[in-house]
C-alpha atoms as a PDB file:
ATOM      1  CA  MET A   1     -26.972 -37.459 -88.106  1.00  0.00           C
ATOM      2  CA  ASN A   2     -24.026 -39.759 -87.590  1.00  0.00           C
ATOM      3  CA  PRO A   3     -22.598 -40.382 -91.112  1.00  0.00           C
ATOM      4  CA  GLN A   4     -21.783 -43.957 -90.065  1.00  0.00           C
ATOM      5  CA  VAL A   5     -25.446 -44.726 -89.427  1.00  0.00           C
ATOM      6  CA  LYS A   6     -27.715 -45.191 -92.441  1.00  0.00           C
ATOM      7  CA  PRO A   7     -31.470 -45.290 -91.734  1.00  0.00           C
ATOM      8  CA  VAL A   8     -33.034 -48.557 -92.835  1.00  0.00           C
ATOM      9  CA  LEU A   9     -36.766 -49.100 -93.203  1.00  0.00           C
ATOM     10  CA  VAL A  10     -37.866 -52.611 -92.285  1.00  0.00           C
ATOM     11  CA  PHE A  11     -41.275 -53.646 -93.605  1.00  0.00           C
ATOM     12  CA  VAL A  12     -43.043 -56.754 -92.310  1.00  0.00           C
ATOM     13  CA  GLU A  13     -45.488 -58.453 -94.674  1.00  0.00           C
ATOM     14  CA  SER A  14     -48.398 -59.415 -92.398  1.00  0.00           C
ATOM     15  CA  THR A  15     -46.638 -62.287 -90.628  1.00  0.00           C
ATOM     16  CA  GLN A  16     -45.887 -63.130 -87.036  1.00  0.00           C
ATOM     17  CA  GLU A  17     -42.221 -62.353 -87.741  1.00  0.00           C
ATOM     18  CA  SER A  18     -40.835 -59.374 -85.844  1.00  0.00           C
ATOM     19  CA  LEU A  19     -37.528 -57.819 -84.934  1.00  0.00           C
ATOM     20  CA  LYS A  20     -36.521 -57.421 -81.311  1.00  0.00           C
ATOM     21  CA  PRO A  21     -34.685 -54.212 -80.312  1.00  0.00           C
ATOM     22  CA  THR A  22     -31.499 -56.204 -79.717  1.00  0.00           C
ATOM     23  CA  GLU A  23     -31.691 -57.631 -83.257  1.00  0.00           C
ATOM     24  CA  MET A  24     -32.104 -54.258 -84.973  1.00  0.00           C
ATOM     25  CA  GLU A  25     -29.137 -52.325 -86.234  1.00  0.00           C
ATOM     26  CA  PRO A  26     -28.823 -48.601 -85.428  1.00  0.00           C
ATOM     27  CA  GLY A  27     -31.086 -46.652 -87.739  1.00  0.00           C
ATOM     28  CA  GLN A  28     -33.466 -49.517 -88.442  1.00  0.00           C
ATOM     29  CA  ILE A  29     -37.149 -48.781 -87.927  1.00  0.00           C
ATOM     30  CA  LEU A  30     -39.852 -51.426 -88.093  1.00  0.00           C
ATOM     31  CA  PHE A  31     -42.898 -50.290 -90.073  1.00  0.00           C
ATOM     32  CA  LEU A  32     -46.185 -52.097 -89.402  1.00  0.00           C
ATOM     33  CA  SER A  33     -49.304 -51.809 -91.526  1.00  0.00           C
ATOM     34  CA  LYS A  34     -52.885 -52.063 -90.309  1.00  0.00           C
ATOM     35  CA  SER A  35     -53.036 -55.733 -91.314  1.00  0.00           C
ATOM     36  CA  ASP A  36     -49.756 -56.395 -89.464  1.00  0.00           C
ATOM     37  CA  VAL A  37     -51.195 -54.971 -86.245  1.00  0.00           C
ATOM     38  CA  GLU A  38     -54.485 -56.837 -86.648  1.00  0.00           C
ATOM     39  CA  GLY A  39     -52.600 -60.041 -87.389  1.00  0.00           C
ATOM     40  CA  CYS A  40     -50.481 -60.026 -84.243  1.00  0.00           C
ATOM     41  CA  LEU A  41     -53.018 -58.736 -81.697  1.00  0.00           C
ATOM     42  CA  SER A  42     -56.009 -60.760 -80.561  1.00  0.00           C
ATOM     43  CA  MET A  43     -58.837 -59.090 -78.649  1.00  0.00           C
ATOM     44  CA  LYS A  44     -57.799 -61.079 -75.578  1.00  0.00           C
ATOM     45  CA  ASP A  45     -54.332 -59.541 -75.903  1.00  0.00           C
ATOM     46  CA  VAL A  46     -55.884 -56.075 -76.079  1.00  0.00           C
ATOM     47  CA  LEU A  47     -58.080 -56.611 -73.031  1.00  0.00           C
ATOM     48  CA  ASP A  48     -55.176 -58.016 -71.002  1.00  0.00           C
ATOM     49  CA  VAL A  49     -52.859 -55.125 -71.885  1.00  0.00           C
ATOM     50  CA  VAL A  50     -55.493 -52.439 -71.259  1.00  0.00           C
ATOM     51  CA  GLU A  51     -56.263 -53.877 -67.825  1.00  0.00           C
ATOM     52  CA  GLU A  52     -52.558 -54.109 -67.009  1.00  0.00           C
ATOM     53  CA  VAL A  53     -51.994 -50.474 -68.004  1.00  0.00           C
ATOM     54  CA  PHE A  54     -54.940 -49.399 -65.836  1.00  0.00           C
ATOM     55  CA  ARG A  55     -53.194 -51.141 -62.952  1.00  0.00           C
ATOM     56  CA  LEU A  56     -49.849 -49.523 -63.737  1.00  0.00           C
ATOM     57  CA  ASN A  57     -51.512 -46.126 -63.970  1.00  0.00           C
ATOM     58  CA  GLY A  58     -53.001 -46.652 -60.513  1.00  0.00           C
ATOM     59  CA  GLU A  59     -49.503 -47.451 -59.247  1.00  0.00           C
ATOM     60  CA  GLY A  60     -48.156 -44.185 -60.654  1.00  0.00           C
ATOM     61  CA  LYS A  61     -46.054 -45.875 -63.333  1.00  0.00           C
ATOM     62  CA  VAL A  62     -47.606 -44.061 -66.301  1.00  0.00           C
ATOM     63  CA  ILE A  63     -46.478 -40.622 -67.489  1.00  0.00           C
ATOM     64  CA  GLN A  64     -49.065 -39.019 -69.746  1.00  0.00           C
ATOM     65  CA  PRO A  65     -48.631 -35.295 -70.459  1.00  0.00           C
ATOM     66  CA  PRO A  66     -51.628 -33.239 -71.615  1.00  0.00           C
ATOM     67  CA  LYS A  67     -52.669 -33.748 -75.218  1.00  0.00           C
ATOM     68  CA  THR A  68     -51.804 -31.098 -77.789  1.00  0.00           C
ATOM     69  CA  TYR A  69     -54.622 -30.224 -80.184  1.00  0.00           C
ATOM     70  CA  LEU A  70     -54.559 -28.601 -83.618  1.00  0.00           C
ATOM     71  CA  GLY A  71     -57.962 -27.695 -85.012  1.00  0.00           C
ATOM     72  CA  GLU A  72     -61.360 -27.531 -83.342  1.00  0.00           C
ATOM     73  CA  GLY A  73     -64.747 -29.186 -83.018  1.00  0.00           C
ATOM     74  CA  MET A  74     -64.927 -32.474 -84.911  1.00  0.00           C
ATOM     75  CA  ARG A  75     -61.963 -31.625 -87.161  1.00  0.00           C
ATOM     76  CA  PHE A  76     -58.645 -31.853 -85.341  1.00  0.00           C
ATOM     77  CA  ILE A  77     -55.228 -33.480 -84.976  1.00  0.00           C
ATOM     78  CA  VAL A  78     -53.989 -34.471 -81.535  1.00  0.00           C
ATOM     79  CA  SER A  79     -50.532 -35.422 -80.279  1.00  0.00           C
ATOM     80  CA  MET A  80     -50.569 -37.936 -77.410  1.00  0.00           C
ATOM     81  CA  PRO A  81     -47.184 -38.786 -75.814  1.00  0.00           C
ATOM     82  CA  CYS A  82     -46.984 -41.394 -73.079  1.00  0.00           C
ATOM     83  CA  ALA A  83     -44.435 -43.465 -71.174  1.00  0.00           C
ATOM     84  CA  ILE A  84     -45.168 -46.631 -69.190  1.00  0.00           C
ATOM     85  CA  ALA A  85     -42.467 -47.695 -66.747  1.00  0.00           C
ATOM     86  CA  PRO A  86     -41.972 -51.342 -67.774  1.00  0.00           C
ATOM     87  CA  MET A  87     -42.841 -50.846 -71.452  1.00  0.00           C
ATOM     88  CA  GLY A  88     -41.258 -47.626 -72.705  1.00  0.00           C
ATOM     89  CA  PRO A  89     -42.275 -44.364 -74.404  1.00  0.00           C
ATOM     90  CA  GLY A  90     -44.503 -43.829 -77.392  1.00  0.00           C
ATOM     91  CA  LEU A  91     -46.472 -41.220 -79.276  1.00  0.00           C
ATOM     92  CA  LYS A  92     -49.796 -41.332 -81.073  1.00  0.00           C
ATOM     93  CA  TRP A  93     -50.431 -38.699 -83.740  1.00  0.00           C
ATOM     94  CA  ILE A  94     -54.103 -39.065 -84.575  1.00  0.00           C
ATOM     95  CA  SER A  95     -56.597 -37.017 -86.548  1.00  0.00           C
ATOM     96  CA  LEU A  96     -60.376 -36.920 -86.625  1.00  0.00           C
ATOM     97  CA  ASN A  97     -62.403 -35.269 -89.357  1.00  0.00           C
ATOM     98  CA  ILE A  98     -66.176 -35.621 -89.381  1.00  0.00           C
ATOM     99  CA  ASP A  99     -66.193 -34.983 -93.150  1.00  0.00           C
ATOM    100  CA  ASN A 100     -63.864 -37.878 -93.996  1.00  0.00           C
ATOM    101  CA  PRO A 101     -66.456 -40.681 -94.300  1.00  0.00           C
ATOM    102  CA  LYS A 102     -68.239 -38.683 -97.023  1.00  0.00           C
ATOM    103  CA  LYS A 103     -64.997 -38.883 -99.000  1.00  0.00           C
ATOM    104  CA  ASN A 104     -64.603 -42.606 -98.318  1.00  0.00           C
ATOM    105  CA  ILE A 105     -61.759 -41.842 -95.870  1.00  0.00           C
ATOM    106  CA  PRO A 106     -61.779 -43.259 -92.304  1.00  0.00           C
ATOM    107  CA  LEU A 107     -63.012 -40.913 -89.604  1.00  0.00           C
ATOM    108  CA  LEU A 108     -59.812 -41.543 -87.620  1.00  0.00           C
ATOM    109  CA  THR A 109     -56.359 -41.669 -89.204  1.00  0.00           C
ATOM    110  CA  GLY A 110     -52.890 -41.408 -87.735  1.00  0.00           C
ATOM    111  CA  VAL A 111     -49.629 -43.077 -86.810  1.00  0.00           C
ATOM    112  CA  VAL A 112     -48.101 -44.510 -83.639  1.00  0.00           C
ATOM    113  CA  ALA A 113     -44.359 -44.359 -82.909  1.00  0.00           C
ATOM    114  CA  LEU A 114     -42.603 -46.431 -80.253  1.00  0.00           C
ATOM    115  CA  SER A 115     -39.115 -45.890 -78.797  1.00  0.00           C
ATOM    116  CA  ASP A 116     -36.681 -48.123 -76.942  1.00  0.00           C
ATOM    117  CA  ARG A 117     -37.143 -47.785 -73.183  1.00  0.00           C
ATOM    118  CA  GLU A 118     -33.390 -47.581 -72.497  1.00  0.00           C
ATOM    119  CA  THR A 119     -31.867 -45.740 -75.450  1.00  0.00           C
ATOM    120  CA  PHE A 120     -35.071 -43.854 -76.480  1.00  0.00           C
ATOM    121  CA  ARG A 121     -34.244 -44.387 -80.166  1.00  0.00           C
ATOM    122  CA  PRO A 122     -37.264 -44.913 -82.437  1.00  0.00           C
ATOM    123  CA  LEU A 123     -37.965 -48.585 -82.970  1.00  0.00           C
ATOM    124  CA  CYS A 124     -41.352 -48.929 -84.605  1.00  0.00           C
ATOM    125  CA  VAL A 125     -43.916 -46.926 -86.532  1.00  0.00           C
ATOM    126  CA  MET A 126     -47.439 -48.234 -86.966  1.00  0.00           C
ATOM    127  CA  MET A 127     -48.665 -46.715 -90.185  1.00  0.00           C
ATOM    128  CA  GLU A 128     -52.373 -46.835 -89.317  1.00  0.00           C
ATOM    129  CA  GLY A 129     -52.935 -45.448 -85.832  1.00  0.00           C
ATOM    130  CA  GLY A 130     -56.688 -45.586 -86.274  1.00  0.00           C
ATOM    131  CA  ILE A 131     -56.749 -49.341 -85.616  1.00  0.00           C
ATOM    132  CA  ILE A 132     -54.784 -48.833 -82.384  1.00  0.00           C
ATOM    133  CA  THR A 133     -57.351 -46.245 -81.290  1.00  0.00           C
ATOM    134  CA  SER A 134     -60.238 -48.564 -82.143  1.00  0.00           C
ATOM    135  CA  LEU A 135     -58.667 -51.490 -80.282  1.00  0.00           C
ATOM    136  CA  ARG A 136     -57.730 -49.420 -77.238  1.00  0.00           C
ATOM    137  CA  THR A 137     -61.153 -47.761 -77.006  1.00  0.00           C
ATOM    138  CA  ALA A 138     -62.907 -51.116 -77.216  1.00  0.00           C
ATOM    139  CA  GLY A 139     -60.454 -52.455 -74.655  1.00  0.00           C
ATOM    140  CA  HIS A 140     -61.476 -49.729 -72.211  1.00  0.00           C
ATOM    141  CA  ALA A 141     -65.150 -50.589 -72.703  1.00  0.00           C
ATOM    142  CA  GLY A 142     -64.426 -54.291 -72.363  1.00  0.00           C
ATOM    143  CA  VAL A 143     -62.441 -53.995 -69.125  1.00  0.00           C
ATOM    144  CA  ALA A 144     -65.165 -51.792 -67.650  1.00  0.00           C
ATOM    145  CA  ALA A 145     -67.845 -54.296 -68.702  1.00  0.00           C
ATOM    146  CA  LYS A 146     -65.820 -57.153 -67.218  1.00  0.00           C
ATOM    147  CA  TYR A 147     -66.254 -55.644 -63.762  1.00  0.00           C
ATOM    148  CA  LEU A 148     -69.486 -53.651 -64.082  1.00  0.00           C
ATOM    149  CA  ALA A 149     -71.794 -55.550 -66.441  1.00  0.00           C
ATOM    150  CA  LYS A 150     -73.935 -58.490 -65.380  1.00  0.00           C
ATOM    151  CA  ARG A 151     -71.906 -61.681 -65.656  1.00  0.00           C
ATOM    152  CA  ASP A 152     -74.686 -63.454 -67.527  1.00  0.00           C
ATOM    153  CA  SER A 153     -75.086 -60.635 -70.071  1.00  0.00           C
ATOM    154  CA  SER A 154     -76.139 -62.109 -73.411  1.00  0.00           C
ATOM    155  CA  LYS A 155     -77.821 -59.287 -75.343  1.00  0.00           C
ATOM    156  CA  LEU A 156     -75.683 -56.528 -76.817  1.00  0.00           C
ATOM    157  CA  ALA A 157     -76.698 -53.323 -78.586  1.00  0.00           C
ATOM    158  CA  ILE A 158     -74.295 -51.535 -80.925  1.00  0.00           C
ATOM    159  CA  ILE A 159     -75.402 -47.968 -81.684  1.00  0.00           C
ATOM    160  CA  GLY A 160     -73.410 -46.648 -84.616  1.00  0.00           C
ATOM    161  CA  CYS A 161     -71.800 -48.816 -87.274  1.00  0.00           C
ATOM    162  CA  GLY A 162     -68.735 -46.687 -87.897  1.00  0.00           C
ATOM    163  CA  GLN A 163     -65.060 -47.303 -87.211  1.00  0.00           C
ATOM    164  CA  GLU A 164     -65.444 -48.562 -83.622  1.00  0.00           C
ATOM    165  CA  ARG A 165     -68.236 -51.023 -84.351  1.00  0.00           C
ATOM    166  CA  ARG A 166     -66.125 -54.101 -85.038  1.00  0.00           C
ATOM    167  CA  THR A 167     -63.719 -53.827 -82.122  1.00  0.00           C
ATOM    168  CA  HIS A 168     -66.441 -53.189 -79.531  1.00  0.00           C
ATOM    169  CA  LEU A 169     -68.382 -56.229 -80.692  1.00  0.00           C
ATOM    170  CA  LYS A 170     -65.226 -58.362 -80.603  1.00  0.00           C
ATOM    171  CA  ALA A 171     -64.397 -57.145 -77.096  1.00  0.00           C
ATOM    172  CA  MET A 172     -67.824 -57.978 -75.706  1.00  0.00           C
ATOM    173  CA  ASN A 173     -67.905 -61.282 -77.553  1.00  0.00           C
ATOM    174  CA  GLU A 174     -64.566 -62.190 -75.951  1.00  0.00           C
ATOM    175  CA  LEU A 175     -65.983 -61.565 -72.471  1.00  0.00           C
ATOM    176  CA  PHE A 176     -69.609 -62.678 -72.683  1.00  0.00           C
ATOM    177  CA  ASP A 177     -71.666 -65.485 -74.179  1.00  0.00           C
ATOM    178  CA  LEU A 178     -73.724 -63.390 -76.581  1.00  0.00           C
ATOM    179  CA  ASP A 179     -76.868 -64.821 -78.134  1.00  0.00           C
ATOM    180  CA  LEU A 180     -78.193 -61.621 -79.731  1.00  0.00           C
ATOM    181  CA  VAL A 181     -76.669 -58.415 -81.066  1.00  0.00           C
ATOM    182  CA  ASN A 182     -78.930 -55.532 -82.075  1.00  0.00           C
ATOM    183  CA  ALA A 183     -77.190 -53.013 -84.327  1.00  0.00           C
ATOM    184  CA  CYS A 184     -78.442 -49.608 -85.388  1.00  0.00           C
ATOM    185  CA  ASP A 185     -77.145 -46.860 -87.666  1.00  0.00           C
ATOM    186  CA  ILE A 186     -78.676 -43.974 -89.590  1.00  0.00           C
ATOM    187  CA  ARG A 187     -76.918 -45.269 -92.717  1.00  0.00           C
ATOM    188  CA  ASN A 188     -78.706 -48.336 -94.034  1.00  0.00           C
ATOM    189  CA  GLU A 189     -75.780 -49.390 -96.212  1.00  0.00           C
ATOM    190  CA  ALA A 190     -73.318 -49.373 -93.297  1.00  0.00           C
ATOM    191  CA  LEU A 191     -75.812 -51.223 -91.089  1.00  0.00           C
ATOM    192  CA  THR A 192     -76.504 -53.912 -93.678  1.00  0.00           C
ATOM    193  CA  GLN A 193     -72.799 -54.453 -94.299  1.00  0.00           C
ATOM    194  CA  TYR A 194     -72.077 -54.682 -90.567  1.00  0.00           C
ATOM    195  CA  VAL A 195     -74.824 -57.244 -89.924  1.00  0.00           C
ATOM    196  CA  ARG A 196     -73.680 -59.421 -92.803  1.00  0.00           C
ATOM    197  CA  GLU A 197     -69.918 -59.099 -92.258  1.00  0.00           C
ATOM    198  CA  MET A 198     -69.728 -59.481 -88.483  1.00  0.00           C
ATOM    199  CA  GLY A 199     -72.442 -62.111 -88.284  1.00  0.00           C
ATOM    200  CA  HIS A 200     -70.458 -64.275 -90.679  1.00  0.00           C
ATOM    201  CA  GLN A 201     -67.081 -63.524 -89.078  1.00  0.00           C
ATOM    202  CA  LEU A 202     -68.106 -64.225 -85.472  1.00  0.00           C
ATOM    203  CA  GLY A 203     -70.973 -66.645 -86.020  1.00  0.00           C
ATOM    204  CA  LEU A 204     -73.356 -64.424 -84.046  1.00  0.00           C
ATOM    205  CA  LYS A 205     -77.000 -63.570 -84.517  1.00  0.00           C
ATOM    206  CA  ILE A 206     -76.913 -59.868 -85.448  1.00  0.00           C
ATOM    207  CA  VAL A 207     -80.153 -58.050 -86.153  1.00  0.00           C
ATOM    208  CA  ALA A 208     -80.597 -54.685 -87.849  1.00  0.00           C
ATOM    209  CA  ALA A 209     -82.758 -52.694 -85.426  1.00  0.00           C
ATOM    210  CA  GLU A 210     -85.147 -50.130 -86.867  1.00  0.00           C
ATOM    211  CA  SER A 211     -84.319 -47.525 -84.226  1.00  0.00           C
ATOM    212  CA  PRO A 212     -81.953 -46.921 -81.295  1.00  0.00           C
ATOM    213  CA  LYS A 213     -84.889 -47.524 -78.965  1.00  0.00           C
ATOM    214  CA  ASP A 214     -85.587 -50.937 -80.458  1.00  0.00           C
ATOM    215  CA  ALA A 215     -81.893 -51.805 -80.193  1.00  0.00           C
ATOM    216  CA  VAL A 216     -81.339 -50.951 -76.530  1.00  0.00           C
ATOM    217  CA  GLU A 217     -84.635 -51.731 -74.770  1.00  0.00           C
ATOM    218  CA  SER A 218     -83.837 -55.360 -73.936  1.00  0.00           C
ATOM    219  CA  ALA A 219     -80.038 -55.093 -73.980  1.00  0.00           C
ATOM    220  CA  ASP A 220     -77.745 -56.143 -71.142  1.00  0.00           C
ATOM    221  CA  ILE A 221     -74.872 -54.126 -72.623  1.00  0.00           C
ATOM    222  CA  VAL A 222     -75.035 -51.042 -74.848  1.00  0.00           C
ATOM    223  CA  CYS A 223     -72.035 -49.736 -76.790  1.00  0.00           C
ATOM    224  CA  MET A 224     -72.456 -46.153 -77.966  1.00  0.00           C
ATOM    225  CA  VAL A 225     -70.065 -45.757 -80.886  1.00  0.00           C
ATOM    226  CA  THR A 226     -71.609 -42.846 -82.748  1.00  0.00           C
ATOM    227  CA  THR A 227     -70.196 -39.453 -83.710  1.00  0.00           C
ATOM    228  CA  SER A 228     -73.382 -37.655 -82.699  1.00  0.00           C
ATOM    229  CA  THR A 229     -73.125 -34.569 -80.498  1.00  0.00           C
ATOM    230  CA  LYS A 230     -76.805 -34.879 -79.566  1.00  0.00           C
ATOM    231  CA  PRO A 231     -78.597 -37.620 -77.603  1.00  0.00           C
ATOM    232  CA  VAL A 232     -79.832 -40.595 -79.611  1.00  0.00           C
ATOM    233  CA  VAL A 233     -80.465 -42.903 -76.614  1.00  0.00           C
ATOM    234  CA  PHE A 234     -82.528 -41.925 -73.572  1.00  0.00           C
ATOM    235  CA  ASP A 235     -82.651 -43.107 -69.969  1.00  0.00           C
ATOM    236  CA  GLU A 236     -86.140 -44.558 -70.065  1.00  0.00           C
ATOM    237  CA  TRP A 237     -85.068 -47.000 -72.800  1.00  0.00           C
ATOM    238  CA  ILE A 238     -82.311 -48.551 -70.661  1.00  0.00           C
ATOM    239  CA  SER A 239     -83.219 -51.602 -68.582  1.00  0.00           C
ATOM    240  CA  PRO A 240     -82.198 -51.748 -64.903  1.00  0.00           C
ATOM    241  CA  GLY A 241     -78.729 -53.256 -64.551  1.00  0.00           C
ATOM    242  CA  CYS A 242     -77.786 -52.562 -68.155  1.00  0.00           C
ATOM    243  CA  PHE A 243     -74.148 -51.555 -68.700  1.00  0.00           C
ATOM    244  CA  VAL A 244     -73.628 -48.622 -71.103  1.00  0.00           C
ATOM    245  CA  ALA A 245     -70.230 -47.845 -72.654  1.00  0.00           C
ATOM    246  CA  GLY A 246     -69.907 -44.372 -74.165  1.00  0.00           C
ATOM    247  CA  THR A 247     -67.071 -43.363 -76.506  1.00  0.00           C
ATOM    248  CA  GLN A 248     -68.284 -39.890 -77.480  1.00  0.00           C
ATOM    249  CA  LEU A 249     -67.997 -38.209 -74.058  1.00  0.00           C
ATOM    250  CA  PHE A 250     -71.605 -39.324 -73.573  1.00  0.00           C
ATOM    251  CA  TYR A 251     -72.820 -36.585 -75.929  1.00  0.00           C
ATOM    252  CA  ASP A 252     -75.026 -39.156 -77.644  1.00  0.00           C
ATOM    253  CA  LEU A 253     -76.716 -40.179 -74.374  1.00  0.00           C
ATOM    254  CA  GLU A 254     -79.604 -38.418 -72.641  1.00  0.00           C
ATOM    255  CA  SER A 255     -78.632 -35.891 -69.941  1.00  0.00           C
ATOM    256  CA  GLN A 256     -79.090 -38.140 -66.899  1.00  0.00           C
ATOM    257  CA  ALA A 257     -76.583 -40.609 -68.325  1.00  0.00           C
ATOM    258  CA  LYS A 258     -74.104 -37.736 -68.609  1.00  0.00           C
ATOM    259  CA  GLN A 259     -74.636 -36.877 -64.953  1.00  0.00           C
ATOM    260  CA  ASP A 260     -73.936 -40.488 -63.951  1.00  0.00           C
ATOM    261  CA  ARG A 261     -70.652 -40.815 -65.869  1.00  0.00           C
END
């Protein structure tokens, strides 16, 4: 390390204030908490950026090497480097452990590091990469629904009230005029909390469905945000024209849905 350069950690206290690369001294790194990220990114921002990156990827302007995994099954850490031509390079170091929720620890945890696109020096570390994953995953589902779901979709089903539940609902609510949300989870406590919390936050009618079948039968859009490795929703329950977003490699959908992915 250059002895003339002293690393400085810059913490931002959940405000809109930020440091631009040109304003940062050598060695300064901006650290953002989960609340910082949530406070400066709206769901519209997420959807716009995700769609733009899809476009850039189609134009060959995204470099994304293969992921590197440590661990196996539903207990692993993965390193995900990426560089986008007009934006710069970054790295997500994310872990998933199916046992974490039992210990009152989020299923997904990790960090995201961003570097300057010209000098490549580290600029920013987001201390809770799980929220970035949740936002990005919901953004993918939202952009797909924007082009594939019925434009007058008004009934949404959320299957699984875990970490992805909030962002997927916010994404669909940003894009569609929802008049009913059916939510379902095997954990009654998580389901009850979700119905109460998100109904109040978004002003939506959210109903606790008794079963996945009850939740999806009349839905225009279904968001599968479970951690199940076995089907919990089956083809015959899905109405014609219904859009289904799967986040679990479609493991939690009946076999025909897997064939159609």
